[in-house]
Amino acid sequence: MNEKSYWHTYIVRCKDDTLYTGISNDLEERIKKHNLGKGAAYTRGRRPVELICSERFATHKEAAQRECAIKKLTRQQKENLIAFHKTHGKHNS
């Protein structure tokens, strides 16, 4: 499978230190769009954003389910997830 065959659930840190979670099958392009103000409405006024965590999935459904689960986490739980990914080298997996 090439990289665009995968779906990614990702977390970006916005300029105002808030976190945004989304999904994409072209992660690099999606981050570019966020930073051009063409991504989610939430990130438009909070640029630049920085990719800080991502997880790769085989299907859109899996990525969307993970996105939903992450969005239900508290801020501290999200920070713990980010720290786990940094510790275990899972950034941009």
Protein backbone atom coordinates (compact mmCIF):
# COMPACT_ATOMS: atom_id res chain seq x y z
CA MET A 1 0.00 0.00 0.00
CA ASN A 2 1.25 3.47 -0.73
CA GLU A 3 0.97 6.18 1.92
CA LYS A 4 -2.19 7.70 0.41
CA SER A 5 -3.92 4.32 0.77
CA TYR A 6 -3.85 4.81 4.53
CA TRP A 7 -5.97 7.06 6.71
CA HIS A 8 -4.49 9.05 9.56
CA THR A 9 -5.99 10.34 12.75
CA TYR A 10 -3.92 13.31 13.82
CA ILE A 11 -3.59 15.95 16.50
CA VAL A 12 -2.21 19.42 15.83
CA ARG A 13 -1.27 22.05 18.36
CA CYS A 14 -2.61 25.45 17.37
CA LYS A 15 -0.90 28.81 17.88
CA ASP A 16 -3.09 29.44 20.95
CA ASP A 17 -1.97 26.07 22.45
CA THR A 18 -5.33 24.39 21.83
CA LEU A 19 -5.46 20.93 20.29
CA TYR A 20 -7.36 19.94 17.17
CA THR A 21 -8.00 16.35 16.10
CA GLY A 22 -8.86 15.31 12.56
CA ILE A 23 -8.46 12.61 9.92
CA SER A 24 -6.96 12.59 6.44
CA ASN A 25 -5.62 10.22 3.80
CA ASP A 26 -2.97 12.80 2.83
CA LEU A 27 -1.57 14.03 6.10
CA GLU A 28 1.11 16.33 4.70
CA GLU A 29 -1.35 18.09 2.41
CA ARG A 30 -3.94 18.39 5.18
CA ILE A 31 -1.48 20.13 7.51
CA LYS A 32 -0.55 22.50 4.68
CA LYS A 33 -4.25 23.30 4.18
CA HIS A 34 -4.70 24.00 7.88
CA ASN A 35 -1.78 26.42 7.75
CA LEU A 36 -3.12 28.14 4.64
CA GLY A 37 -6.44 28.73 6.37
CA LYS A 38 -8.20 26.22 4.12
CA GLY A 39 -8.58 23.47 6.69
CA ALA A 40 -11.13 23.20 9.45
CA ALA A 41 -12.92 26.36 10.56
CA TYR A 42 -11.53 25.77 14.07
CA THR A 43 -7.92 26.11 12.96
CA ARG A 44 -8.35 29.08 10.60
CA GLY A 45 -7.90 31.70 13.30
CA ARG A 46 -5.38 29.64 15.25
CA ARG A 47 -2.56 29.33 12.74
CA PRO A 48 0.05 28.17 12.45
CA VAL A 49 -0.67 24.62 13.54
CA GLU A 50 1.96 21.99 14.25
CA LEU A 51 1.46 18.27 13.74
CA ILE A 52 2.28 16.64 17.06
CA CYS A 53 0.75 13.18 16.87
CA SER A 54 -0.68 10.82 14.27
CA GLU A 55 -1.86 7.25 13.97
CA ARG A 56 -2.25 5.31 10.71
CA PHE A 57 -5.23 3.12 9.81
CA ALA A 58 -6.17 0.94 6.86
CA THR A 59 -9.68 2.32 6.52
CA HIS A 60 -11.57 5.60 6.82
CA LYS A 61 -13.93 3.96 9.30
CA GLU A 62 -11.11 3.01 11.68
CA ALA A 63 -9.60 6.50 11.52
CA ALA A 64 -12.99 8.14 12.10
CA GLN A 65 -13.68 5.90 15.09
CA ARG A 66 -10.30 6.79 16.59
CA GLU A 67 -10.92 10.50 15.93
CA CYS A 68 -14.23 10.26 17.79
CA ALA A 69 -12.57 8.49 20.72
CA ILE A 70 -9.77 11.08 20.95
CA LYS A 71 -12.25 13.97 20.80
CA LYS A 72 -13.96 12.53 23.90
CA LEU A 73 -10.71 12.64 25.91
CA THR A 74 -9.94 15.40 28.37
CA ARG A 75 -7.13 17.82 27.60
CA GLN A 76 -4.87 15.98 30.07
CA GLN A 77 -5.66 12.61 28.51
CA LYS A 78 -4.79 14.02 25.08
CA GLU A 79 -1.50 15.38 26.44
CA ASN A 80 -0.79 11.93 27.90
CA LEU A 81 -1.48 10.34 24.51
CA ILE A 82 0.86 12.82 22.83
CA ALA A 83 3.57 12.09 25.40
CA PHE A 84 3.11 8.34 24.83
CA HIS A 85 3.56 8.78 21.09
CA LYS A 86 6.69 10.88 21.59
CA THR A 87 8.15 8.33 24.00
CA HIS A 88 7.38 5.37 21.74
CA GLY A 89 8.34 7.02 18.46
CA LYS A 90 4.84 6.85 17.01
CA HIS A 91 4.72 10.37 15.56
CA ASN A 92 3.69 10.11 11.91
CA SER A 93 3.45 6.35 12.16
